[in-house]
Amino acid sequence: MPTSTYVALATTTLASASSSVTFSSIPTSGYRDLVLVINGTNSGSQDLKFIFNGDTGSNYSRVAMYGQSSGIGSFSDNGQNAGLWASVQTVLNTVIANIMDYSATDKHKTVLVRSDNAGDRVRAYAGRWASTSAITSIQLDPTGTSWQAGTTISLYGIAS
């Protein structure tokens, strides 16, 4: 089995607060998967929204599980408007999102998101974007808040 190689496609380190970060002109050849790695904080305890190719329709769904100091739980929802949502907290240690087969035009896109807060929680999400379009842009919005200065977001292509 071949070994996968991470290739850095783009990195953004914010000099000031920002309500959104977008990676555009993502190449649609040369890589099988994408990985987003976020290290930093947002200004409040809100959701992180992934918007692919500017699609703000009801084409996203997710299932989630979490463990935190107050207990454990899970949930699912379909037809979300405006993007794939993953809960994040004020203290974001790391969020990692794996986007599988992002350039395939014969299937919907699958995303696995893991986030943690060293203070009290870990969360995992499996999401689906119901589109057969290749992903060429990803917008990351911490809904109702903003990314804080010093936050670093990196996008990698996985060559196999």
Protein backbone atom coordinates (compact mmCIF):
# COMPACT_ATOMS: atom_id res chain seq x y z
CA MET A 1 0.00 0.00 0.00
CA PRO A 2 1.43 3.42 -0.94
CA THR A 3 2.19 5.92 1.79
CA SER A 4 0.15 9.13 1.75
CA THR A 5 2.06 12.42 1.65
CA TYR A 6 0.81 15.72 3.06
CA VAL A 7 1.51 18.62 0.71
CA ALA A 8 1.03 22.13 2.12
CA LEU A 9 -1.36 24.00 -0.19
CA ALA A 10 -1.94 27.14 1.91
CA THR A 11 -1.52 28.51 5.42
CA THR A 12 -3.09 31.60 6.94
CA THR A 13 -1.98 33.12 10.23
CA LEU A 14 -4.26 35.98 11.19
CA ALA A 15 -2.63 39.28 12.15
CA SER A 16 -6.01 40.59 13.35
CA ALA A 17 -9.47 39.21 14.08
CA SER A 18 -11.46 37.97 11.08
CA SER A 19 -15.06 36.81 10.69
CA SER A 20 -14.19 34.36 7.90
CA VAL A 21 -11.26 32.59 6.25
CA THR A 22 -11.52 31.27 2.69
CA PHE A 23 -9.24 28.97 0.74
CA SER A 24 -9.97 29.34 -2.97
CA SER A 25 -8.51 28.00 -6.22
CA ILE A 26 -7.99 24.59 -4.63
CA PRO A 27 -6.43 22.36 -7.30
CA THR A 28 -8.69 19.53 -8.46
CA SER A 29 -5.91 17.18 -9.54
CA GLY A 30 -2.84 15.72 -7.91
CA TYR A 31 -4.47 14.94 -4.56
CA ARG A 32 -7.07 12.49 -3.33
CA ASP A 33 -8.08 14.14 -0.03
CA LEU A 34 -7.75 17.45 1.80
CA VAL A 35 -6.91 18.08 5.45
CA LEU A 36 -7.60 21.35 7.30
CA VAL A 37 -5.77 21.99 10.56
CA ILE A 38 -6.91 24.90 12.74
CA ASN A 39 -4.96 26.09 15.79
CA GLY A 40 -6.24 29.13 17.62
CA THR A 41 -9.30 30.69 19.17
CA ASN A 42 -12.53 32.39 18.24
CA SER A 43 -14.23 35.16 20.18
CA GLY A 44 -17.08 33.08 21.55
CA SER A 45 -18.55 29.65 22.07
CA GLN A 46 -20.21 29.06 18.71
CA ASP A 47 -20.29 26.72 15.73
CA LEU A 48 -17.73 26.49 12.96
CA LYS A 49 -19.34 26.49 9.54
CA PHE A 50 -17.69 24.94 6.46
CA ILE A 51 -19.08 26.27 3.15
CA PHE A 52 -17.94 24.46 0.02
CA ASN A 53 -17.85 26.30 -3.33
CA GLY A 54 -20.07 29.06 -1.93
CA ASP A 55 -23.02 26.64 -1.54
CA THR A 56 -25.35 28.07 1.11
CA GLY A 57 -28.24 25.74 0.29
CA SER A 58 -29.67 22.87 2.35
CA ASN A 59 -27.15 20.37 1.02
CA TYR A 60 -25.33 19.49 4.23
CA SER A 61 -25.93 16.89 6.94
CA ARG A 62 -24.01 15.65 9.98
CA VAL A 63 -23.85 13.25 12.87
CA ALA A 64 -21.87 14.05 16.00
CA MET A 65 -20.69 12.64 19.27
CA TYR A 66 -19.05 14.39 22.17
CA GLY A 67 -17.68 13.91 25.62
CA GLN A 68 -17.30 16.77 28.07
CA SER A 69 -17.08 17.46 31.76
CA SER A 70 -20.88 17.57 32.06
CA GLY A 71 -21.50 14.29 30.21
CA ILE A 72 -21.63 12.63 26.82
CA GLY A 73 -24.02 12.82 23.92
CA SER A 74 -24.71 12.58 20.23
CA PHE A 75 -27.03 14.08 17.62
CA SER A 76 -27.71 14.26 13.90
CA ASP A 77 -29.43 16.64 11.51
CA ASN A 78 -30.10 17.00 7.79
CA GLY A 79 -30.59 19.71 5.24
CA GLN A 80 -28.63 22.36 7.09
CA ASN A 81 -28.60 25.76 5.52
CA ALA A 82 -25.38 27.54 4.69
CA GLY A 83 -22.83 24.84 5.42
CA LEU A 84 -21.51 21.95 7.45
CA TRP A 85 -21.49 22.89 11.14
CA ALA A 86 -19.13 21.68 13.87
CA SER A 87 -19.28 23.04 17.42
CA VAL A 88 -16.15 24.77 18.66
CA GLN A 89 -15.43 26.62 21.85
CA THR A 90 -13.66 29.82 22.85
CA VAL A 91 -10.47 27.92 23.63
CA LEU A 92 -9.73 26.06 20.43
CA ASN A 93 -6.69 23.89 20.82
CA THR A 94 -6.99 22.05 17.53
CA VAL A 95 -9.61 21.29 14.89
CA ILE A 96 -8.73 18.75 12.19
CA ALA A 97 -11.03 18.20 9.22
CA ASN A 98 -10.45 15.40 6.71
CA ILE A 99 -12.26 15.91 3.40
CA MET A 100 -12.29 12.69 1.42
CA ASP A 101 -12.34 12.40 -2.38
CA TYR A 102 -12.81 16.17 -2.63
CA SER A 103 -12.30 16.28 -6.40
CA ALA A 104 -14.43 13.25 -7.32
CA THR A 105 -17.38 14.16 -9.54
CA ASP A 106 -19.27 10.88 -9.10
CA LYS A 107 -20.08 11.04 -5.38
CA HIS A 108 -21.10 13.29 -2.50
CA LYS A 109 -18.29 14.63 -0.32
CA THR A 110 -17.59 13.22 3.14
CA VAL A 111 -15.94 15.17 5.95
CA LEU A 112 -14.64 13.98 9.34
CA VAL A 113 -14.06 16.76 11.88
CA ARG A 114 -12.39 16.37 15.28
CA SER A 115 -12.13 19.22 17.76
CA ASP A 116 -10.93 19.48 21.30
CA ASN A 117 -10.79 21.90 24.16
CA ALA A 118 -8.12 20.98 26.68
CA GLY A 119 -10.37 22.38 29.42
CA ASP A 120 -13.23 19.92 29.15
CA ARG A 121 -14.32 18.42 25.85
CA VAL A 122 -13.70 16.49 22.68
CA ARG A 123 -16.10 16.28 19.72
CA ALA A 124 -16.24 14.31 16.48
CA TYR A 125 -18.45 14.95 13.45
CA ALA A 126 -19.10 13.09 10.22
CA GLY A 127 -20.60 15.33 7.59
CA ARG A 128 -21.81 15.11 4.03
CA TRP A 129 -22.06 17.71 1.29
CA ALA A 130 -24.70 16.46 -1.15
CA SER A 131 -22.92 17.58 -4.30
CA THR A 132 -20.91 15.83 -6.99
CA SER A 133 -18.94 19.00 -7.75
CA ALA A 134 -15.23 19.01 -7.02
CA ILE A 135 -14.42 21.24 -4.03
CA THR A 136 -12.50 24.28 -5.27
CA SER A 137 -13.10 26.63 -2.32
CA ILE A 138 -13.66 26.26 1.41
CA GLN A 139 -14.97 29.08 3.58
CA LEU A 140 -14.58 28.72 7.36
CA ASP A 141 -16.88 30.85 9.49
CA PRO A 142 -17.09 30.79 13.28
CA THR A 143 -20.78 31.75 13.30
CA GLY A 144 -21.63 34.86 15.27
CA THR A 145 -18.01 35.35 16.34
CA SER A 146 -14.62 35.90 14.73
CA TRP A 147 -11.28 34.16 14.50
CA GLN A 148 -8.81 35.86 16.85
CA ALA A 149 -5.38 37.22 15.89
CA GLY A 150 -2.73 34.50 15.95
CA THR A 151 -5.06 31.75 14.72
CA THR A 152 -3.36 29.57 12.12
CA ILE A 153 -5.32 27.60 9.53
CA SER A 154 -3.50 25.26 7.15
CA LEU A 155 -4.79 23.34 4.13
CA TYR A 156 -3.00 20.20 2.95
CA GLY A 157 -3.50 18.02 -0.09
CA ILE A 158 -3.00 14.29 0.42
CA ALA A 159 -1.09 12.70 -2.42
CA SER A 160 -1.22 8.93 -2.54
